[in-house]
Structure formats: structure tokens, C-alpha cells
């Protein structure tokens, strides 16, 4: 599955990665690359936890890009 990850740099310069379709799935890193690596691990752990507890796995968010 593919999940959209939003990355923003906070006031301390840390990159925060949020996964909108997985509520509470947030990670961070010193660089964008590190934040993405950590986000991948967080997504995997999140899904494993859902499976372990018999919870449904939310579908990934799909989006379209409109160029004007």
C-alpha cells in the first residue's frame, strides 16, 4: 500500500512526518530523508498493531493533482 506522508519543518528545525490516513501516526527526523525513513517504520508498526488487535486497516488516501 502507498500512504501519503506530509512533512513539515518545525520551529526547531526538526522534520515532522504525519500520515493523514492513519490517525496519530507521526514521526520525525533531523532531515527530510530521516523523517521519511522513520515514517515508513511508524506506518509498518501502526499497521501491525491494527492487525494484532483485529482492527480494520484504513485505505490509503488517493489524490489528484490539477495543473492550471
PDB file of N, CA and C in Angstrom:
ATOM      1  N   UNK A   1       0.836  -1.189   0.000  1.00  0.00           N
ATOM      2  CA  UNK A   1       0.000   0.000   0.000  1.00  0.00           C
ATOM      3  C   UNK A   1       0.877   1.247   0.000  1.00  0.00           C
ATOM      4  N   UNK A   2       0.309   2.291  -0.514  1.00  0.00           N
ATOM      5  CA  UNK A   2       1.003   3.576  -0.506  1.00  0.00           C
ATOM      6  C   UNK A   2       0.222   4.541   0.370  1.00  0.00           C
ATOM      7  N   UNK A   3       0.936   5.245   1.225  1.00  0.00           N
ATOM      8  CA  UNK A   3       0.304   6.230   2.100  1.00  0.00           C
ATOM      9  C   UNK A   3       0.951   7.589   1.880  1.00  0.00           C
ATOM     10  N   UNK A   4       0.119   8.602   1.848  1.00  0.00           N
ATOM     11  CA  UNK A   4       0.619   9.966   1.711  1.00  0.00           C
ATOM     12  C   UNK A   4       1.223  10.395   3.040  1.00  0.00           C
ATOM     13  N   UNK A   5       2.407  10.993   2.969  1.00  0.00           N
ATOM     14  CA  UNK A   5       3.095  11.485   4.157  1.00  0.00           C
ATOM     15  C   UNK A   5       3.324  12.985   3.981  1.00  0.00           C
ATOM     16  N   UNK A   6       2.867  13.758   4.952  1.00  0.00           N
ATOM     17  CA  UNK A   6       3.083  15.201   4.937  1.00  0.00           C
ATOM     18  C   UNK A   6       4.299  15.506   5.806  1.00  0.00           C
ATOM     19  N   UNK A   7       5.221  16.290   5.261  1.00  0.00           N
ATOM     20  CA  UNK A   7       6.428  16.628   6.011  1.00  0.00           C
ATOM     21  C   UNK A   7       6.503  18.143   6.171  1.00  0.00           C
ATOM     22  N   UNK A   8       6.668  18.558   7.421  1.00  0.00           N
ATOM     23  CA  UNK A   8       6.807  19.983   7.739  1.00  0.00           C
ATOM     24  C   UNK A   8       7.982  20.150   8.685  1.00  0.00           C
ATOM     25  N   UNK A   9       8.687  21.238   8.519  1.00  0.00           N
ATOM     26  CA  UNK A   9       9.791  21.533   9.429  1.00  0.00           C
ATOM     27  C   UNK A   9       9.258  22.389  10.568  1.00  0.00           C
ATOM     28  N   UNK A  10       9.523  21.969  11.809  1.00  0.00           N
ATOM     29  CA  UNK A  10       9.021  22.739  12.944  1.00  0.00           C
ATOM     30  C   UNK A  10       9.978  23.877  13.294  1.00  0.00           C
ATOM     31  N   UNK A  11       9.628  24.626  14.327  1.00  0.00           N
ATOM     32  CA  UNK A  11      10.402  25.819  14.693  1.00  0.00           C
ATOM     33  C   UNK A  11      11.819  25.494  15.172  1.00  0.00           C
ATOM     34  N   UNK A  12      12.052  24.233  15.551  1.00  0.00           N
ATOM     35  CA  UNK A  12      13.382  23.819  15.994  1.00  0.00           C
ATOM     36  C   UNK A  12      14.219  23.230  14.859  1.00  0.00           C
ATOM     37  N   UNK A  13      13.654  23.187  13.654  1.00  0.00           N
ATOM     38  CA  UNK A  13      14.368  22.653  12.501  1.00  0.00           C
ATOM     39  C   UNK A  13      14.184  21.158  12.303  1.00  0.00           C
ATOM     40  N   UNK A  14      13.390  20.517  13.151  1.00  0.00           N
ATOM     41  CA  UNK A  14      13.125  19.080  13.033  1.00  0.00           C
ATOM     42  C   UNK A  14      12.034  18.866  11.982  1.00  0.00           C
ATOM     43  N   UNK A  15      12.185  17.823  11.179  1.00  0.00           N
ATOM     44  CA  UNK A  15      11.178  17.498  10.171  1.00  0.00           C
ATOM     45  C   UNK A  15      10.169  16.527  10.776  1.00  0.00           C
ATOM     46  N   UNK A  16       8.903  16.907  10.729  1.00  0.00           N
ATOM     47  CA  UNK A  16       7.824  16.110  11.311  1.00  0.00           C
ATOM     48  C   UNK A  16       7.021  15.498  10.169  1.00  0.00           C
ATOM     49  N   UNK A  17       6.870  14.180  10.207  1.00  0.00           N
ATOM     50  CA  UNK A  17       6.131  13.446   9.176  1.00  0.00           C
ATOM     51  C   UNK A  17       4.814  12.946   9.761  1.00  0.00           C
ATOM     52  N   UNK A  18       3.721  13.288   9.093  1.00  0.00           N
ATOM     53  CA  UNK A  18       2.380  12.902   9.527  1.00  0.00           C
ATOM     54  C   UNK A  18       1.729  12.085   8.416  1.00  0.00           C
ATOM     55  N   UNK A  19       0.998  11.038   8.805  1.00  0.00           N
ATOM     56  CA  UNK A  19       0.299  10.188   7.837  1.00  0.00           C
ATOM     57  C   UNK A  19      -1.202  10.419   8.030  1.00  0.00           C
ATOM     58  N   UNK A  20      -1.820  11.251   7.186  1.00  0.00           N
ATOM     59  CA  UNK A  20      -3.226  11.638   7.393  1.00  0.00           C
ATOM     60  C   UNK A  20      -4.218  10.485   7.473  1.00  0.00           C
ATOM     61  N   UNK A  21      -4.007   9.418   6.713  1.00  0.00           N
ATOM     62  CA  UNK A  21      -4.987   8.332   6.722  1.00  0.00           C
ATOM     63  C   UNK A  21      -4.825   7.382   7.911  1.00  0.00           C
ATOM     64  N   UNK A  22      -3.757   7.577   8.699  1.00  0.00           N
ATOM     65  CA  UNK A  22      -3.538   6.764   9.895  1.00  0.00           C
ATOM     66  C   UNK A  22      -3.478   7.706  11.102  1.00  0.00           C
ATOM     67  N   UNK A  23      -4.610   8.014  11.708  1.00  0.00           N
ATOM     68  CA  UNK A  23      -4.663   8.979  12.806  1.00  0.00           C
ATOM     69  C   UNK A  23      -3.651   8.681  13.919  1.00  0.00           C
ATOM     70  N   UNK A  24      -2.869   9.689  14.263  1.00  0.00           N
ATOM     71  CA  UNK A  24      -1.880   9.549  15.320  1.00  0.00           C
ATOM     72  C   UNK A  24      -0.556   8.983  14.858  1.00  0.00           C
ATOM     73  N   UNK A  25      -0.438   8.642  13.578  1.00  0.00           N
ATOM     74  CA  UNK A  25       0.815   8.100  13.044  1.00  0.00           C
ATOM     75  C   UNK A  25       1.704   9.273  12.646  1.00  0.00           C
ATOM     76  N   UNK A  26       2.631   9.601  13.536  1.00  0.00           N
ATOM     77  CA  UNK A  26       3.511  10.756  13.358  1.00  0.00           C
ATOM     78  C   UNK A  26       4.932  10.325  13.698  1.00  0.00           C
ATOM     79  N   UNK A  27       5.887  10.835  12.937  1.00  0.00           N
ATOM     80  CA  UNK A  27       7.288  10.549  13.210  1.00  0.00           C
ATOM     81  C   UNK A  27       8.086  11.813  12.922  1.00  0.00           C
ATOM     82  N   UNK A  28       9.384  11.746  13.135  1.00  0.00           N
ATOM     83  CA  UNK A  28      10.214  12.924  12.880  1.00  0.00           C
ATOM     84  C   UNK A  28      11.628  12.500  12.552  1.00  0.00           C
ATOM     85  N   UNK A  29      12.423  13.473  12.110  1.00  0.00           N
ATOM     86  CA  UNK A  29      13.823  13.211  11.808  1.00  0.00           C
ATOM     87  C   UNK A  29      14.580  14.512  11.673  1.00  0.00           C
ATOM     88  N   UNK A  30      15.896  14.430  11.740  1.00  0.00           N
ATOM     89  CA  UNK A  30      16.741  15.615  11.614  1.00  0.00           C
ATOM     90  C   UNK A  30      16.769  16.133  10.181  1.00  0.00           C
ATOM     91  N   UNK A  31      16.490  15.234   9.206  1.00  0.00           N
ATOM     92  CA  UNK A  31      16.431  15.611   7.789  1.00  0.00           C
ATOM     93  C   UNK A  31      15.126  15.072   7.206  1.00  0.00           C
ATOM     94  N   UNK A  32      14.768  15.558   6.010  1.00  0.00           N
ATOM     95  CA  UNK A  32      13.567  15.040   5.337  1.00  0.00           C
ATOM     96  C   UNK A  32      13.708  13.539   5.100  1.00  0.00           C
ATOM     97  N   UNK A  33      14.904  13.132   4.661  1.00  0.00           N
ATOM     98  CA  UNK A  33      15.143  11.720   4.377  1.00  0.00           C
ATOM     99  C   UNK A  33      14.964  10.873   5.636  1.00  0.00           C
ATOM    100  N   UNK A  34      15.522  11.328   6.731  1.00  0.00           N
ATOM    101  CA  UNK A  34      15.394  10.604   8.001  1.00  0.00           C
ATOM    102  C   UNK A  34      13.935  10.550   8.450  1.00  0.00           C
ATOM    103  N   UNK A  35      13.213  11.652   8.261  1.00  0.00           N
ATOM    104  CA  UNK A  35      11.793  11.687   8.637  1.00  0.00           C
ATOM    105  C   UNK A  35      10.999  10.671   7.814  1.00  0.00           C
ATOM    106  N   UNK A  36      11.321  10.534   6.517  1.00  0.00           N
ATOM    107  CA  UNK A  36      10.628   9.558   5.676  1.00  0.00           C
ATOM    108  C   UNK A  36      10.953   8.124   6.081  1.00  0.00           C
ATOM    109  N   UNK A  37      12.213   7.870   6.399  1.00  0.00           N
ATOM    110  CA  UNK A  37      12.607   6.531   6.853  1.00  0.00           C
ATOM    111  C   UNK A  37      11.862   6.184   8.138  1.00  0.00           C
ATOM    112  N   UNK A  38      11.831   7.131   9.073  1.00  0.00           N
ATOM    113  CA  UNK A  38      11.140   6.907  10.344  1.00  0.00           C
ATOM    114  C   UNK A  38       9.637   6.769  10.140  1.00  0.00           C
ATOM    115  N   UNK A  39       9.084   7.512   9.186  1.00  0.00           N
ATOM    116  CA  UNK A  39       7.648   7.425   8.896  1.00  0.00           C
ATOM    117  C   UNK A  39       7.304   6.039   8.359  1.00  0.00           C
ATOM    118  N   UNK A  40       8.162   5.493   7.507  1.00  0.00           N
ATOM    119  CA  UNK A  40       7.927   4.150   6.972  1.00  0.00           C
ATOM    120  C   UNK A  40       7.850   3.137   8.121  1.00  0.00           C
ATOM    121  N   UNK A  41       8.786   3.236   9.063  1.00  0.00           N
ATOM    122  CA  UNK A  41       8.786   2.334  10.221  1.00  0.00           C
ATOM    123  C   UNK A  41       7.537   2.530  11.075  1.00  0.00           C
ATOM    124  N   UNK A  42       7.121   3.788  11.240  1.00  0.00           N
ATOM    125  CA  UNK A  42       5.921   4.081  12.034  1.00  0.00           C
ATOM    126  C   UNK A  42       4.672   3.511  11.361  1.00  0.00           C
ATOM    127  N   UNK A  43       4.595   3.615  10.050  1.00  0.00           N
ATOM    128  CA  UNK A  43       3.454   3.071   9.306  1.00  0.00           C
ATOM    129  C   UNK A  43       3.404   1.558   9.476  1.00  0.00           C
ATOM    130  N   UNK A  44       4.547   0.901   9.321  1.00  0.00           N
ATOM    131  CA  UNK A  44       4.589  -0.554   9.467  1.00  0.00           C
ATOM    132  C   UNK A  44       4.148  -0.981  10.874  1.00  0.00           C
ATOM    133  N   UNK A  45       4.644  -0.290  11.888  1.00  0.00           N
ATOM    134  CA  UNK A  45       4.274  -0.620  13.270  1.00  0.00           C
ATOM    135  C   UNK A  45       2.787  -0.361  13.510  1.00  0.00           C
ATOM    136  N   UNK A  46       2.274   0.725  12.966  1.00  0.00           N
ATOM    137  CA  UNK A  46       0.860   1.085  13.115  1.00  0.00           C
ATOM    138  C   UNK A  46      -0.023  -0.022  12.534  1.00  0.00           C
ATOM    139  N   UNK A  47       0.305  -0.447  11.302  1.00  0.00           N
ATOM    140  CA  UNK A  47      -0.489  -1.482  10.627  1.00  0.00           C
ATOM    141  C   UNK A  47      -0.375  -2.815  11.368  1.00  0.00           C
ATOM    142  N   UNK A  48       0.815  -3.154  11.824  1.00  0.00           N
ATOM    143  CA  UNK A  48       0.992  -4.391  12.597  1.00  0.00           C
ATOM    144  C   UNK A  48       0.130  -4.372  13.855  1.00  0.00           C
ATOM    145  N   UNK A  49       0.062  -3.236  14.514  1.00  0.00           N
ATOM    146  CA  UNK A  49      -0.758  -3.117  15.715  1.00  0.00           C
ATOM    147  C   UNK A  49      -2.246  -3.292  15.391  1.00  0.00           C
ATOM    148  N   UNK A  50      -2.690  -2.684  14.297  1.00  0.00           N
ATOM    149  CA  UNK A  50      -4.089  -2.847  13.890  1.00  0.00           C
ATOM    150  C   UNK A  50      -4.398  -4.310  13.616  1.00  0.00           C
ATOM    151  N   UNK A  51      -3.512  -4.981  12.891  1.00  0.00           N
ATOM    152  CA  UNK A  51      -3.715  -6.391  12.566  1.00  0.00           C
ATOM    153  C   UNK A  51      -3.751  -7.242  13.841  1.00  0.00           C
ATOM    154  N   UNK A  52      -2.835  -6.973  14.759  1.00  0.00           N
ATOM    155  CA  UNK A  52      -2.747  -7.726  16.007  1.00  0.00           C
ATOM    156  C   UNK A  52      -4.036  -7.626  16.813  1.00  0.00           C
ATOM    157  N   UNK A  53      -4.662  -6.447  16.760  1.00  0.00           N
ATOM    158  CA  UNK A  53      -5.880  -6.206  17.534  1.00  0.00           C
ATOM    159  C   UNK A  53      -7.161  -6.425  16.725  1.00  0.00           C
ATOM    160  N   UNK A  54      -7.021  -6.941  15.506  1.00  0.00           N
ATOM    161  CA  UNK A  54      -8.196  -7.233  14.684  1.00  0.00           C
ATOM    162  C   UNK A  54      -8.932  -6.003  14.201  1.00  0.00           C
ATOM    163  N   UNK A  55      -8.239  -4.890  14.146  1.00  0.00           N
ATOM    164  CA  UNK A  55      -8.851  -3.633  13.687  1.00  0.00           C
ATOM    165  C   UNK A  55      -8.708  -3.512  12.167  1.00  0.00           C
ATOM    166  N   UNK A  56      -9.650  -2.836  11.516  1.00  0.00           N
ATOM    167  CA  UNK A  56      -9.529  -2.649  10.068  1.00  0.00           C
ATOM    168  C   UNK A  56      -8.381  -1.691   9.727  1.00  0.00           C
ATOM    169  N   UNK A  57      -7.755  -1.947   8.608  1.00  0.00           N
ATOM    170  CA  UNK A  57      -6.666  -1.079   8.142  1.00  0.00           C
ATOM    171  C   UNK A  57      -7.271  -0.018   7.228  1.00  0.00           C
ATOM    172  N   UNK A  58      -7.117   1.266   7.586  1.00  0.00           N
ATOM    173  CA  UNK A  58      -7.662   2.333   6.742  1.00  0.00           C
ATOM    174  C   UNK A  58      -7.014   2.310   5.358  1.00  0.00           C
ATOM    175  N   UNK A  59      -7.817   2.562   4.340  1.00  0.00           N
ATOM    176  CA  UNK A  59      -7.236   2.597   2.991  1.00  0.00           C
ATOM    177  C   UNK A  59      -6.348   3.833   2.840  1.00  0.00           C
ATOM    178  N   UNK A  60      -5.391   3.749   1.917  1.00  0.00           N
ATOM    179  CA  UNK A  60      -4.565   4.920   1.667  1.00  0.00           C
ATOM    180  C   UNK A  60      -5.407   6.035   1.056  1.00  0.00           C
ATOM    181  N   UNK A  61      -4.961   7.255   1.230  1.00  0.00           N
ATOM    182  CA  UNK A  61      -5.650   8.395   0.639  1.00  0.00           C
ATOM    183  C   UNK A  61      -5.170   8.560  -0.795  1.00  0.00           C
ATOM    184  N   UNK A  62      -6.099   8.700  -1.690  1.00  0.00           N
ATOM    185  CA  UNK A  62      -5.721   8.977  -3.080  1.00  0.00           C
ATOM    186  C   UNK A  62      -5.981  10.445  -3.346  1.00  0.00           C
ATOM    187  N   UNK A  63      -5.214  10.977  -4.243  1.00  0.00           N
ATOM    188  CA  UNK A  63      -5.399  12.392  -4.564  1.00  0.00           C
ATOM    189  C   UNK A  63      -5.114  12.621  -6.027  1.00  0.00           C
ATOM    190  N   UNK A  64      -5.636  13.680  -6.513  1.00  0.00           N
ATOM    191  CA  UNK A  64      -5.410  14.107  -7.881  1.00  0.00           C
ATOM    192  C   UNK A  64      -4.700  15.449  -7.858  1.00  0.00           C
ATOM    193  N   UNK A  65      -3.877  15.687  -8.834  1.00  0.00           N
ATOM    194  CA  UNK A  65      -3.193  16.974  -8.961  1.00  0.00           C
ATOM    195  C   UNK A  65      -3.768  17.657 -10.188  1.00  0.00           C
ATOM    196  N   UNK A  66      -4.213  18.878  -9.989  1.00  0.00           N
ATOM    197  CA  UNK A  66      -4.776  19.669 -11.089  1.00  0.00           C
ATOM    198  C   UNK A  66      -3.807  20.787 -11.409  1.00  0.00           C
ATOM    199  N   UNK A  67      -3.331  20.776 -12.629  1.00  0.00           N
ATOM    200  CA  UNK A  67      -2.387  21.805 -13.048  1.00  0.00           C
ATOM    201  C   UNK A  67      -3.140  22.873 -13.818  1.00  0.00           C
ATOM    202  N   UNK A  68      -2.878  24.116 -13.467  1.00  0.00           N
ATOM    203  CA  UNK A  68      -3.568  25.227 -14.133  1.00  0.00           C
ATOM    204  C   UNK A  68      -2.563  26.036 -14.927  1.00  0.00           C
TER     205      UNK A  68
END
